[in-house]
mmCIF file of all heavy atoms, coordinates in Angstrom:
data_MODEL
# 
_entry.id   MODEL 
# 
loop_
_atom_site.group_PDB 
_atom_site.id 
_atom_site.type_symbol 
_atom_site.label_atom_id 
_atom_site.label_alt_id 
_atom_site.label_comp_id 
_atom_site.label_asym_id 
_atom_site.label_entity_id 
_atom_site.label_seq_id 
_atom_site.pdbx_PDB_ins_code 
_atom_site.Cartn_x 
_atom_site.Cartn_y 
_atom_site.Cartn_z 
_atom_site.occupancy 
_atom_site.B_iso_or_equiv 
_atom_site.pdbx_formal_charge 
_atom_site.auth_seq_id 
_atom_site.auth_comp_id 
_atom_site.auth_asym_id 
_atom_site.auth_atom_id 
_atom_site.pdbx_PDB_model_num 
ATOM 1   N N   . GLY A 1 1  ? -20.875 80.557 31.427 1.00 0.00 ? 1  GLY A N   1 
ATOM 2   C CA  . GLY A 1 1  ? -21.255 79.551 32.427 1.00 0.00 ? 1  GLY A CA  1 
ATOM 3   C C   . GLY A 1 1  ? -20.248 79.245 33.481 1.00 0.00 ? 1  GLY A C   1 
ATOM 4   O O   . GLY A 1 1  ? -19.104 79.775 33.485 1.00 0.00 ? 1  GLY A O   1 
ATOM 5   N N   . ASP A 1 2  ? -20.634 78.336 34.418 1.00 0.00 ? 2  ASP A N   1 
ATOM 6   C CA  . ASP A 1 2  ? -19.837 78.032 35.619 1.00 0.00 ? 2  ASP A CA  1 
ATOM 7   C C   . ASP A 1 2  ? -19.515 79.306 36.374 1.00 0.00 ? 2  ASP A C   1 
ATOM 8   O O   . ASP A 1 2  ? -18.404 79.484 36.909 1.00 0.00 ? 2  ASP A O   1 
ATOM 9   C CB  . ASP A 1 2  ? -18.552 77.257 35.250 1.00 0.00 ? 2  ASP A CB  1 
ATOM 10  C CG  . ASP A 1 2  ? -18.817 75.790 34.958 1.00 0.00 ? 2  ASP A CG  1 
ATOM 11  O OD1 . ASP A 1 2  ? -19.999 75.399 34.995 1.00 0.00 ? 2  ASP A OD1 1 
ATOM 12  O OD2 . ASP A 1 2  ? -17.868 75.052 34.707 1.00 0.00 ? 2  ASP A OD2 1 
ATOM 13  N N   . LEU A 1 3  ? -20.499 80.167 36.483 1.00 0.00 ? 3  LEU A N   1 
ATOM 14  C CA  . LEU A 1 3  ? -20.348 81.391 37.255 1.00 0.00 ? 3  LEU A CA  1 
ATOM 15  C C   . LEU A 1 3  ? -20.315 81.045 38.753 1.00 0.00 ? 3  LEU A C   1 
ATOM 16  O O   . LEU A 1 3  ? -19.689 81.715 39.560 1.00 0.00 ? 3  LEU A O   1 
ATOM 17  C CB  . LEU A 1 3  ? -21.485 82.325 36.987 1.00 0.00 ? 3  LEU A CB  1 
ATOM 18  C CG  . LEU A 1 3  ? -21.698 82.687 35.481 1.00 0.00 ? 3  LEU A CG  1 
ATOM 19  C CD1 . LEU A 1 3  ? -22.915 83.568 35.287 1.00 0.00 ? 3  LEU A CD1 1 
ATOM 20  C CD2 . LEU A 1 3  ? -20.459 83.350 34.928 1.00 0.00 ? 3  LEU A CD2 1 
ATOM 21  N N   . VAL A 1 4  ? -21.004 79.988 39.133 1.00 0.00 ? 4  VAL A N   1 
ATOM 22  C CA  . VAL A 1 4  ? -20.934 79.421 40.476 1.00 0.00 ? 4  VAL A CA  1 
ATOM 23  C C   . VAL A 1 4  ? -20.627 77.929 40.345 1.00 0.00 ? 4  VAL A C   1 
ATOM 24  O O   . VAL A 1 4  ? -20.796 77.295 39.329 1.00 0.00 ? 4  VAL A O   1 
ATOM 25  C CB  . VAL A 1 4  ? -22.227 79.641 41.266 1.00 0.00 ? 4  VAL A CB  1 
ATOM 26  C CG1 . VAL A 1 4  ? -22.427 81.097 41.603 1.00 0.00 ? 4  VAL A CG1 1 
ATOM 27  C CG2 . VAL A 1 4  ? -23.446 79.103 40.503 1.00 0.00 ? 4  VAL A CG2 1 
ATOM 28  N N   . SER A 1 5  ? -20.170 77.333 41.480 1.00 0.00 ? 5  SER A N   1 
ATOM 29  C CA  . SER A 1 5  ? -19.812 75.903 41.433 1.00 0.00 ? 5  SER A CA  1 
ATOM 30  C C   . SER A 1 5  ? -21.007 75.000 41.606 1.00 0.00 ? 5  SER A C   1 
ATOM 31  O O   . SER A 1 5  ? -20.912 73.794 41.362 1.00 0.00 ? 5  SER A O   1 
ATOM 32  C CB  . SER A 1 5  ? -18.793 75.621 42.515 1.00 0.00 ? 5  SER A CB  1 
ATOM 33  O OG  . SER A 1 5  ? -17.568 76.244 42.235 1.00 0.00 ? 5  SER A OG  1 
ATOM 34  N N   . GLY A 1 6  ? -22.136 75.541 42.090 1.00 0.00 ? 6  GLY A N   1 
ATOM 35  C CA  . GLY A 1 6  ? -23.352 74.779 42.140 1.00 0.00 ? 6  GLY A CA  1 
ATOM 36  C C   . GLY A 1 6  ? -23.327 73.665 43.192 1.00 0.00 ? 6  GLY A C   1 
ATOM 37  O O   . GLY A 1 6  ? -22.574 73.757 44.163 1.00 0.00 ? 6  GLY A O   1 
ATOM 38  N N   . GLU A 1 7  ? -24.179 72.636 42.967 1.00 0.00 ? 7  GLU A N   1 
ATOM 39  C CA  . GLU A 1 7  ? -24.372 71.655 43.986 1.00 0.00 ? 7  GLU A CA  1 
ATOM 40  C C   . GLU A 1 7  ? -24.102 70.193 43.525 1.00 0.00 ? 7  GLU A C   1 
ATOM 41  O O   . GLU A 1 7  ? -24.118 69.309 44.365 1.00 0.00 ? 7  GLU A O   1 
ATOM 42  C CB  . GLU A 1 7  ? -25.864 71.739 44.445 1.00 0.00 ? 7  GLU A CB  1 
ATOM 43  C CG  . GLU A 1 7  ? -26.843 71.588 43.329 1.00 0.00 ? 7  GLU A CG  1 
ATOM 44  C CD  . GLU A 1 7  ? -28.300 71.863 43.753 1.00 0.00 ? 7  GLU A CD  1 
ATOM 45  O OE1 . GLU A 1 7  ? -28.616 71.503 44.901 1.00 0.00 ? 7  GLU A OE1 1 
ATOM 46  O OE2 . GLU A 1 7  ? -29.073 72.375 42.970 1.00 0.00 ? 7  GLU A OE2 1 
ATOM 47  N N   . ILE A 1 8  ? -23.838 69.970 42.251 1.00 0.00 ? 8  ILE A N   1 
ATOM 48  C CA  . ILE A 1 8  ? -23.745 68.584 41.757 1.00 0.00 ? 8  ILE A CA  1 
ATOM 49  C C   . ILE A 1 8  ? -22.491 67.855 42.309 1.00 0.00 ? 8  ILE A C   1 
ATOM 50  O O   . ILE A 1 8  ? -22.454 66.661 42.319 1.00 0.00 ? 8  ILE A O   1 
ATOM 51  C CB  . ILE A 1 8  ? -23.762 68.512 40.209 1.00 0.00 ? 8  ILE A CB  1 
ATOM 52  C CG1 . ILE A 1 8  ? -22.551 69.265 39.644 1.00 0.00 ? 8  ILE A CG1 1 
ATOM 53  C CG2 . ILE A 1 8  ? -25.061 69.049 39.661 1.00 0.00 ? 8  ILE A CG2 1 
ATOM 54  C CD1 . ILE A 1 8  ? -22.386 69.040 38.160 1.00 0.00 ? 8  ILE A CD1 1 
ATOM 55  N N   . HIS A 1 9  ? -21.492 68.619 42.733 1.00 0.00 ? 9  HIS A N   1 
ATOM 56  C CA  . HIS A 1 9  ? -20.295 67.992 43.283 1.00 0.00 ? 9  HIS A CA  1 
ATOM 57  C C   . HIS A 1 9  ? -20.186 68.165 44.795 1.00 0.00 ? 9  HIS A C   1 
ATOM 58  O O   . HIS A 1 9  ? -19.071 68.099 45.349 1.00 0.00 ? 9  HIS A O   1 
ATOM 59  C CB  . HIS A 1 9  ? -19.067 68.599 42.570 1.00 0.00 ? 9  HIS A CB  1 
ATOM 60  C CG  . HIS A 1 9  ? -18.956 68.338 41.132 1.00 0.00 ? 9  HIS A CG  1 
ATOM 61  N ND1 . HIS A 1 9  ? -18.945 67.094 40.571 1.00 0.00 ? 9  HIS A ND1 1 
ATOM 62  C CD2 . HIS A 1 9  ? -18.960 69.208 40.064 1.00 0.00 ? 9  HIS A CD2 1 
ATOM 63  C CE1 . HIS A 1 9  ? -18.869 67.157 39.257 1.00 0.00 ? 9  HIS A CE1 1 
ATOM 64  N NE2 . HIS A 1 9  ? -18.898 68.419 38.923 1.00 0.00 ? 9  HIS A NE2 1 
ATOM 65  N N   . ASN A 1 10 ? -21.359 68.419 45.410 1.00 0.00 ? 10 ASN A N   1 
ATOM 66  C CA  . ASN A 1 10 ? -21.409 68.546 46.874 1.00 0.00 ? 10 ASN A CA  1 
ATOM 67  C C   . ASN A 1 10 ? -20.470 69.656 47.396 1.00 0.00 ? 10 ASN A C   1 
ATOM 68  O O   . ASN A 1 10 ? -19.795 69.516 48.428 1.00 0.00 ? 10 ASN A O   1 
ATOM 69  C CB  . ASN A 1 10 ? -21.067 67.219 47.574 1.00 0.00 ? 10 ASN A CB  1 
ATOM 70  C CG  . ASN A 1 10 ? -22.057 66.113 47.230 1.00 0.00 ? 10 ASN A CG  1 
ATOM 71  O OD1 . ASN A 1 10 ? -23.262 66.347 47.136 1.00 0.00 ? 10 ASN A OD1 1 
ATOM 72  N ND2 . ASN A 1 10 ? -21.556 64.930 46.968 1.00 0.00 ? 10 ASN A ND2 1 
ATOM 73  N N   . LEU A 1 11 ? -20.437 70.775 46.688 1.00 0.00 ? 11 LEU A N   1 
ATOM 74  C CA  . LEU A 1 11 ? -19.553 71.846 47.060 1.00 0.00 ? 11 LEU A CA  1 
ATOM 75  C C   . LEU A 1 11 ? -20.249 72.946 47.886 1.00 0.00 ? 11 LEU A C   1 
ATOM 76  O O   . LEU A 1 11 ? -19.602 73.910 48.291 1.00 0.00 ? 11 LEU A O   1 
ATOM 77  C CB  . LEU A 1 11 ? -18.921 72.512 45.805 1.00 0.00 ? 11 LEU A CB  1 
ATOM 78  C CG  . LEU A 1 11 ? -17.975 71.628 45.029 1.00 0.00 ? 11 LEU A CG  1 
ATOM 79  C CD1 . LEU A 1 11 ? -17.483 72.312 43.755 1.00 0.00 ? 11 LEU A CD1 1 
ATOM 80  C CD2 . LEU A 1 11 ? -16.744 71.252 45.913 1.00 0.00 ? 11 LEU A CD2 1 
ATOM 81  N N   . ILE A 1 12 ? -21.571 72.815 48.064 1.00 0.00 ? 12 ILE A N   1 
ATOM 82  C CA  . ILE A 1 12 ? -22.292 73.819 48.820 1.00 0.00 ? 12 ILE A CA  1 
ATOM 83  C C   . ILE A 1 12 ? -21.753 73.992 50.180 1.00 0.00 ? 12 ILE A C   1 
ATOM 84  O O   . ILE A 1 12 ? -21.571 75.106 50.749 1.00 0.00 ? 12 ILE A O   1 
ATOM 85  C CB  . ILE A 1 12 ? -23.806 73.499 48.874 1.00 0.00 ? 12 ILE A CB  1 
ATOM 86  C CG1 . ILE A 1 12 ? -24.456 73.546 47.460 1.00 0.00 ? 12 ILE A CG1 1 
ATOM 87  C CG2 . ILE A 1 12 ? -24.557 74.478 49.795 1.00 0.00 ? 12 ILE A CG2 1 
ATOM 88  C CD1 . ILE A 1 12 ? -24.448 74.907 46.846 1.00 0.00 ? 12 ILE A CD1 1 
ATOM 89  N N   . GLN A 1 13 ? -21.421 72.911 50.872 1.00 0.00 ? 13 GLN A N   1 
ATOM 90  C CA  . GLN A 1 13 ? -20.906 72.965 52.246 1.00 0.00 ? 13 GLN A CA  1 
ATOM 91  C C   . GLN A 1 13 ? -19.552 73.670 52.330 1.00 0.00 ? 13 GLN A C   1 
ATOM 92  O O   . GLN A 1 13 ? -19.155 74.140 53.423 1.00 0.00 ? 13 GLN A O   1 
ATOM 93  C CB  . GLN A 1 13 ? -20.826 71.550 52.829 1.00 0.00 ? 13 GLN A CB  1 
ATOM 94  C CG  . GLN A 1 13 ? -19.897 70.640 52.016 1.00 0.00 ? 13 GLN A CG  1 
ATOM 95  C CD  . GLN A 1 13 ? -19.861 69.244 52.613 1.00 0.00 ? 13 GLN A CD  1 
ATOM 96  O OE1 . GLN A 1 13 ? -19.839 69.049 53.837 1.00 0.00 ? 13 GLN A OE1 1 
ATOM 97  N NE2 . GLN A 1 13 ? -19.855 68.233 51.726 1.00 0.00 ? 13 GLN A NE2 1 
ATOM 98  N N   . PHE A 1 14 ? -18.832 73.751 51.223 1.00 0.00 ? 14 PHE A N   1 
ATOM 99  C CA  . PHE A 1 14 ? -17.553 74.426 51.216 1.00 0.00 ? 14 PHE A CA  1 
ATOM 100 C C   . PHE A 1 14 ? -17.585 75.815 50.535 1.00 0.00 ? 14 PHE A C   1 
ATOM 101 O O   . PHE A 1 14 ? -16.573 76.436 50.311 1.00 0.00 ? 14 PHE A O   1 
ATOM 102 C CB  . PHE A 1 14 ? -16.483 73.562 50.453 1.00 0.00 ? 14 PHE A CB  1 
ATOM 103 C CG  . PHE A 1 14 ? -16.359 72.182 51.053 1.00 0.00 ? 14 PHE A CG  1 
ATOM 104 C CD1 . PHE A 1 14 ? -16.835 71.088 50.360 1.00 0.00 ? 14 PHE A CD1 1 
ATOM 105 C CD2 . PHE A 1 14 ? -15.712 72.005 52.268 1.00 0.00 ? 14 PHE A CD2 1 
ATOM 106 C CE1 . PHE A 1 14 ? -16.714 69.815 50.868 1.00 0.00 ? 14 PHE A CE1 1 
ATOM 107 C CE2 . PHE A 1 14 ? -15.593 70.725 52.769 1.00 0.00 ? 14 PHE A CE2 1 
ATOM 108 C CZ  . PHE A 1 14 ? -16.076 69.592 52.092 1.00 0.00 ? 14 PHE A CZ  1 
ATOM 109 N N   . SER A 1 15 ? -18.796 76.257 50.209 1.00 0.00 ? 15 SER A N   1 
ATOM 110 C CA  . SER A 1 15 ? -18.939 77.521 49.454 1.00 0.00 ? 15 SER A CA  1 
ATOM 111 C C   . SER A 1 15 ? -18.965 78.699 50.418 1.00 0.00 ? 15 SER A C   1 
ATOM 112 O O   . SER A 1 15 ? -18.940 78.574 51.644 1.00 0.00 ? 15 SER A O   1 
ATOM 113 C CB  . SER A 1 15 ? -20.244 77.481 48.638 1.00 0.00 ? 15 SER A CB  1 
ATOM 114 O OG  . SER A 1 15 ? -21.372 77.450 49.486 1.00 0.00 ? 15 SER A OG  1 
ATOM 115 N N   . GLU A 1 16 ? -19.029 79.915 49.866 1.00 0.00 ? 16 GLU A N   1 
ATOM 116 C CA  . GLU A 1 16 ? -18.934 81.139 50.653 1.00 0.00 ? 16 GLU A CA  1 
ATOM 117 C C   . GLU A 1 16 ? -20.033 81.275 51.700 1.00 0.00 ? 16 GLU A C   1 
ATOM 118 O O   . GLU A 1 16 ? -19.730 81.534 52.857 1.00 0.00 ? 16 GLU A O   1 
ATOM 119 C CB  . GLU A 1 16 ? -18.917 82.372 49.697 1.00 0.00 ? 16 GLU A CB  1 
ATOM 120 C CG  . GLU A 1 16 ? -18.678 83.685 50.349 1.00 0.00 ? 16 GLU A CG  1 
ATOM 121 C CD  . GLU A 1 16 ? -17.225 83.864 50.753 1.00 0.00 ? 16 GLU A CD  1 
ATOM 122 O OE1 . GLU A 1 16 ? -16.338 83.156 50.205 1.00 0.00 ? 16 GLU A OE1 1 
ATOM 123 O OE2 . GLU A 1 16 ? -16.954 84.687 51.644 1.00 0.00 ? 16 GLU A OE2 1 
ATOM 124 N N   . TRP A 1 17 ? -21.249 81.133 51.262 1.00 0.00 ? 17 TRP A N   1 
ATOM 125 C CA  . TRP A 1 17 ? -22.381 81.311 52.232 1.00 0.00 ? 17 TRP A CA  1 
ATOM 126 C C   . TRP A 1 17 ? -23.045 79.952 52.595 1.00 0.00 ? 17 TRP A C   1 
ATOM 127 O O   . TRP A 1 17 ? -23.985 79.915 53.331 1.00 0.00 ? 17 TRP A O   1 
ATOM 128 C CB  . TRP A 1 17 ? -23.449 82.203 51.639 1.00 0.00 ? 17 TRP A CB  1 
ATOM 129 C CG  . TRP A 1 17 ? -23.040 83.662 51.648 1.00 0.00 ? 17 TRP A CG  1 
ATOM 130 C CD1 . TRP A 1 17 ? -23.191 84.535 52.700 1.00 0.00 ? 17 TRP A CD1 1 
ATOM 131 C CD2 . TRP A 1 17 ? -22.387 84.397 50.616 1.00 0.00 ? 17 TRP A CD2 1 
ATOM 132 N NE1 . TRP A 1 17 ? -22.704 85.753 52.382 1.00 0.00 ? 17 TRP A NE1 1 
ATOM 133 C CE2 . TRP A 1 17 ? -22.206 85.725 51.121 1.00 0.00 ? 17 TRP A CE2 1 
ATOM 134 C CE3 . TRP A 1 17 ? -21.932 84.108 49.357 1.00 0.00 ? 17 TRP A CE3 1 
ATOM 135 C CZ2 . TRP A 1 17 ? -21.551 86.694 50.315 1.00 0.00 ? 17 TRP A CZ2 1 
ATOM 136 C CZ3 . TRP A 1 17 ? -21.322 85.089 48.580 1.00 0.00 ? 17 TRP A CZ3 1 
ATOM 137 C CH2 . TRP A 1 17 ? -21.149 86.400 49.098 1.00 0.00 ? 17 TRP A CH2 1 
ATOM 138 N N   . GLN A 1 18 ? -22.527 78.872 52.011 1.00 0.00 ? 18 GLN A N   1 
ATOM 139 C CA  . GLN A 1 18 ? -23.063 77.531 52.230 1.00 0.00 ? 18 GLN A CA  1 
ATOM 140 C C   . GLN A 1 18 ? -24.557 77.487 51.957 1.00 0.00 ? 18 GLN A C   1 
ATOM 141 O O   . GLN A 1 18 ? -25.336 76.781 52.614 1.00 0.00 ? 18 GLN A O   1 
ATOM 142 C CB  . GLN A 1 18 ? -22.743 77.047 53.674 1.00 0.00 ? 18 GLN A CB  1 
ATOM 143 C CG  . GLN A 1 18 ? -21.282 76.966 53.950 1.00 0.00 ? 18 GLN A CG  1 
ATOM 144 C CD  . GLN A 1 18 ? -20.963 76.438 55.327 1.00 0.00 ? 18 GLN A CD  1 
ATOM 145 O OE1 . GLN A 1 18 ? -21.837 75.960 56.044 1.00 0.00 ? 18 GLN A OE1 1 
ATOM 146 N NE2 . GLN A 1 18 ? -19.703 76.521 55.737 1.00 0.00 ? 18 GLN A NE2 1 
ATOM 147 N N   . ASN A 1 19 ? -24.945 78.282 50.961 1.00 0.00 ? 19 ASN A N   1 
ATOM 148 C CA  . ASN A 1 19 ? -26.354 78.387 50.542 1.00 0.00 ? 19 ASN A CA  1 
ATOM 149 C C   . ASN A 1 19 ? -26.365 78.738 49.066 1.00 0.00 ? 19 ASN A C   1 
ATOM 150 O O   . ASN A 1 19 ? -25.867 79.786 48.665 1.00 0.00 ? 19 ASN A O   1 
ATOM 151 C CB  . ASN A 1 19 ? -27.060 79.439 51.372 1.00 0.00 ? 19 ASN A CB  1 
ATOM 152 C CG  . ASN A 1 19 ? -28.554 79.576 51.030 1.00 0.00 ? 19 ASN A CG  1 
ATOM 153 O OD1 . ASN A 1 19 ? -28.909 79.902 49.938 1.00 0.00 ? 19 ASN A OD1 1 
ATOM 154 N ND2 . ASN A 1 19 ? -29.413 79.246 52.004 1.00 0.00 ? 19 ASN A ND2 1 
ATOM 155 N N   . ALA A 1 20 ? -26.900 77.840 48.226 1.00 0.00 ? 20 ALA A N   1 
ATOM 156 C CA  . ALA A 1 20 ? -26.820 78.020 46.774 1.00 0.00 ? 20 ALA A CA  1 
ATOM 157 C C   . ALA A 1 20 ? -27.531 79.285 46.329 1.00 0.00 ? 20 ALA A C   1 
ATOM 158 O O   . ALA A 1 20 ? -27.080 79.957 45.393 1.00 0.00 ? 20 ALA A O   1 
ATOM 159 C CB  . ALA A 1 20 ? -27.441 76.790 46.084 1.00 0.00 ? 20 ALA A CB  1 
ATOM 160 N N   . ILE A 1 21 ? -28.661 79.642 46.971 1.00 0.00 ? 21 ILE A N   1 
ATOM 161 C CA  . ILE A 1 21 ? -29.373 80.841 46.553 1.00 0.00 ? 21 ILE A CA  1 
ATOM 162 C C   . ILE A 1 21 ? -28.607 82.114 46.866 1.00 0.00 ? 21 ILE A C   1 
ATOM 163 O O   . ILE A 1 21 ? -28.463 83.009 46.006 1.00 0.00 ? 21 ILE A O   1 
ATOM 164 C CB  . ILE A 1 21 ? -30.763 80.885 47.263 1.00 0.00 ? 21 ILE A CB  1 
ATOM 165 C CG1 . ILE A 1 21 ? -31.625 79.703 46.819 1.00 0.00 ? 21 ILE A CG1 1 
ATOM 166 C CG2 . ILE A 1 21 ? -31.470 82.208 46.943 1.00 0.00 ? 21 ILE A CG2 1 
ATOM 167 C CD1 . ILE A 1 21 ? -32.963 79.582 47.491 1.00 0.00 ? 21 ILE A CD1 1 
ATOM 168 N N   . LYS A 1 22 ? -28.023 82.187 48.065 1.00 0.00 ? 22 LYS A N   1 
ATOM 169 C CA  . LYS A 1 22 ? -27.228 83.338 48.431 1.00 0.00 ? 22 LYS A CA  1 
ATOM 170 C C   . LYS A 1 22 ? -25.967 83.438 47.522 1.00 0.00 ? 22 LYS A C   1 
ATOM 171 O O   . LYS A 1 22 ? -25.569 84.521 47.111 1.00 0.00 ? 22 LYS A O   1 
ATOM 172 C CB  . LYS A 1 22 ? -26.798 83.306 49.894 1.00 0.00 ? 22 LYS A CB  1 
ATOM 173 C CG  . LYS A 1 22 ? -27.896 83.675 50.846 1.00 0.00 ? 22 LYS A CG  1 
ATOM 174 C CD  . LYS A 1 22 ? -27.376 83.779 52.284 1.00 0.00 ? 22 LYS A CD  1 
ATOM 175 C CE  . LYS A 1 22 ? -28.405 84.290 53.233 1.00 0.00 ? 22 LYS A CE  1 
ATOM 176 N NZ  . LYS A 1 22 ? -27.907 84.411 54.617 1.00 0.00 ? 22 LYS A NZ  1 
ATOM 177 N N   . ASN A 1 23 ? -25.372 82.298 47.230 1.00 0.00 ? 23 ASN A N   1 
ATOM 178 C CA  . ASN A 1 23 ? -24.201 82.307 46.350 1.00 0.00 ? 23 ASN A CA  1 
ATOM 179 C C   . ASN A 1 23 ? -24.547 82.899 44.967 1.00 0.00 ? 23 ASN A C   1 
ATOM 180 O O   . ASN A 1 23 ? -23.784 83.713 44.419 1.00 0.00 ? 23 ASN A O   1 
ATOM 181 C CB  . ASN A 1 23 ? -23.674 80.874 46.173 1.00 0.00 ? 23 ASN A CB  1 
ATOM 182 C CG  . ASN A 1 23 ? -23.072 80.299 47.426 1.00 0.00 ? 23 ASN A CG  1 
ATOM 183 O OD1 . ASN A 1 23 ? -22.631 81.035 48.326 1.00 0.00 ? 23 ASN A OD1 1 
ATOM 184 N ND2 . ASN A 1 23 ? -23.028 78.986 47.516 1.00 0.00 ? 23 ASN A ND2 1 
ATOM 185 N N   . ALA A 1 24 ? -25.691 82.458 44.451 1.00 0.00 ? 24 ALA A N   1 
ATOM 186 C CA  . ALA A 1 24 ? -26.084 82.953 43.103 1.00 0.00 ? 24 ALA A CA  1 
ATOM 187 C C   . ALA A 1 24 ? -26.448 84.433 43.139 1.00 0.00 ? 24 ALA A C   1 
ATOM 188 O O   . ALA A 1 24 ? -26.101 85.178 42.243 1.00 0.00 ? 24 ALA A O   1 
ATOM 189 C CB  . ALA A 1 24 ? -27.276 82.133 42.630 1.00 0.00 ? 24 ALA A CB  1 
ATOM 190 N N   . MET A 1 25 ? -27.130 84.874 44.207 1.00 0.00 ? 25 MET A N   1 
ATOM 191 C CA  . MET A 1 25 ? -27.516 86.268 44.297 1.00 0.00 ? 25 MET A CA  1 
ATOM 192 C C   . MET A 1 25 ? -26.295 87.167 44.422 1.00 0.00 ? 25 MET A C   1 
ATOM 193 O O   . MET A 1 25 ? -26.200 88.240 43.801 1.00 0.00 ? 25 MET A O   1 
ATOM 194 C CB  . MET A 1 25 ? -28.478 86.452 45.507 1.00 0.00 ? 25 MET A CB  1 
ATOM 195 C CG  . MET A 1 25 ? -29.827 85.849 45.325 1.00 0.00 ? 25 MET A CG  1 
ATOM 196 S SD  . MET A 1 25 ? -30.816 85.791 46.839 1.00 0.00 ? 25 MET A SD  1 
ATOM 197 C CE  . MET A 1 25 ? -30.981 87.561 47.191 1.00 0.00 ? 25 MET A CE  1 
ATOM 198 N N   . ALA A 1 26 ? -25.341 86.755 45.231 1.00 0.00 ? 26 ALA A N   1 
ATOM 199 C CA  . ALA A 1 26 ? -24.120 87.544 45.410 1.00 0.00 ? 26 ALA A CA  1 
ATOM 200 C C   . ALA A 1 26 ? -23.333 87.658 44.128 1.00 0.00 ? 26 ALA A C   1 
ATOM 201 O O   . ALA A 1 26 ? -22.878 88.773 43.730 1.00 0.00 ? 26 ALA A O   1 
ATOM 202 C CB  . ALA A 1 26 ? -23.213 86.958 46.516 1.00 0.00 ? 26 ALA A CB  1 
ATOM 203 N N   . THR A 1 27 ? -23.227 86.551 43.422 1.00 0.00 ? 27 THR A N   1 
ATOM 204 C CA  . THR A 1 27 ? -22.516 86.563 42.118 1.00 0.00 ? 27 THR A CA  1 
ATOM 205 C C   . THR A 1 27 ? -23.239 87.433 41.113 1.00 0.00 ? 27 THR A C   1 
ATOM 206 O O   . THR A 1 27 ? -22.626 88.173 40.342 1.00 0.00 ? 27 THR A O   1 
ATOM 207 C CB  . THR A 1 27 ? -22.349 85.125 41.587 1.00 0.00 ? 27 THR A CB  1 
ATOM 208 O OG1 . THR A 1 27 ? -21.719 84.336 42.580 1.00 0.00 ? 27 THR A OG1 1 
ATOM 209 C CG2 . THR A 1 27 ? -21.516 85.109 40.342 1.00 0.00 ? 27 THR A CG2 1 
ATOM 210 N N   . GLY A 1 28 ? -24.580 87.329 41.083 1.00 0.00 ? 28 GLY A N   1 
ATOM 211 C CA  . GLY A 1 28 ? -25.373 88.213 40.171 1.00 0.00 ? 28 GLY A CA  1 
ATOM 212 C C   . GLY A 1 28 ? -25.200 89.672 40.482 1.00 0.00 ? 28 GLY A C   1 
ATOM 213 O O   . GLY A 1 28 ? -25.069 90.523 39.585 1.00 0.00 ? 28 GLY A O   1 
ATOM 214 N N   . GLU A 1 29 ? -25.133 90.041 41.784 1.00 0.00 ? 29 GLU A N   1 
ATOM 215 C CA  . GLU A 1 29 ? -24.960 91.442 42.144 1.00 0.00 ? 29 GLU A CA  1 
ATOM 216 C C   . GLU A 1 29 ? -23.545 91.914 41.734 1.00 0.00 ? 29 GLU A C   1 
ATOM 217 O O   . GLU A 1 29 ? -23.417 93.019 41.268 1.00 0.00 ? 29 GLU A O   1 
ATOM 218 C CB  . GLU A 1 29 ? -25.150 91.611 43.659 1.00 0.00 ? 29 GLU A CB  1 
ATOM 219 C CG  . GLU A 1 29 ? -25.121 93.025 44.108 1.00 0.00 ? 29 GLU A CG  1 
ATOM 220 C CD  . GLU A 1 29 ? -25.534 93.204 45.546 1.00 0.00 ? 29 GLU A CD  1 
ATOM 221 O OE1 . GLU A 1 29 ? -26.176 92.323 46.127 1.00 0.00 ? 29 GLU A OE1 1 
ATOM 222 O OE2 . GLU A 1 29 ? -25.188 94.273 46.140 1.00 0.00 ? 29 GLU A OE2 1 
# 
């Protein structure tokens, strides 16, 4: 777990793609 930082701590705006779905897909790939 914690493969991505998710959204509960308002980190989406500071993430790689600033999009939770793209972040998850890229990590899965």
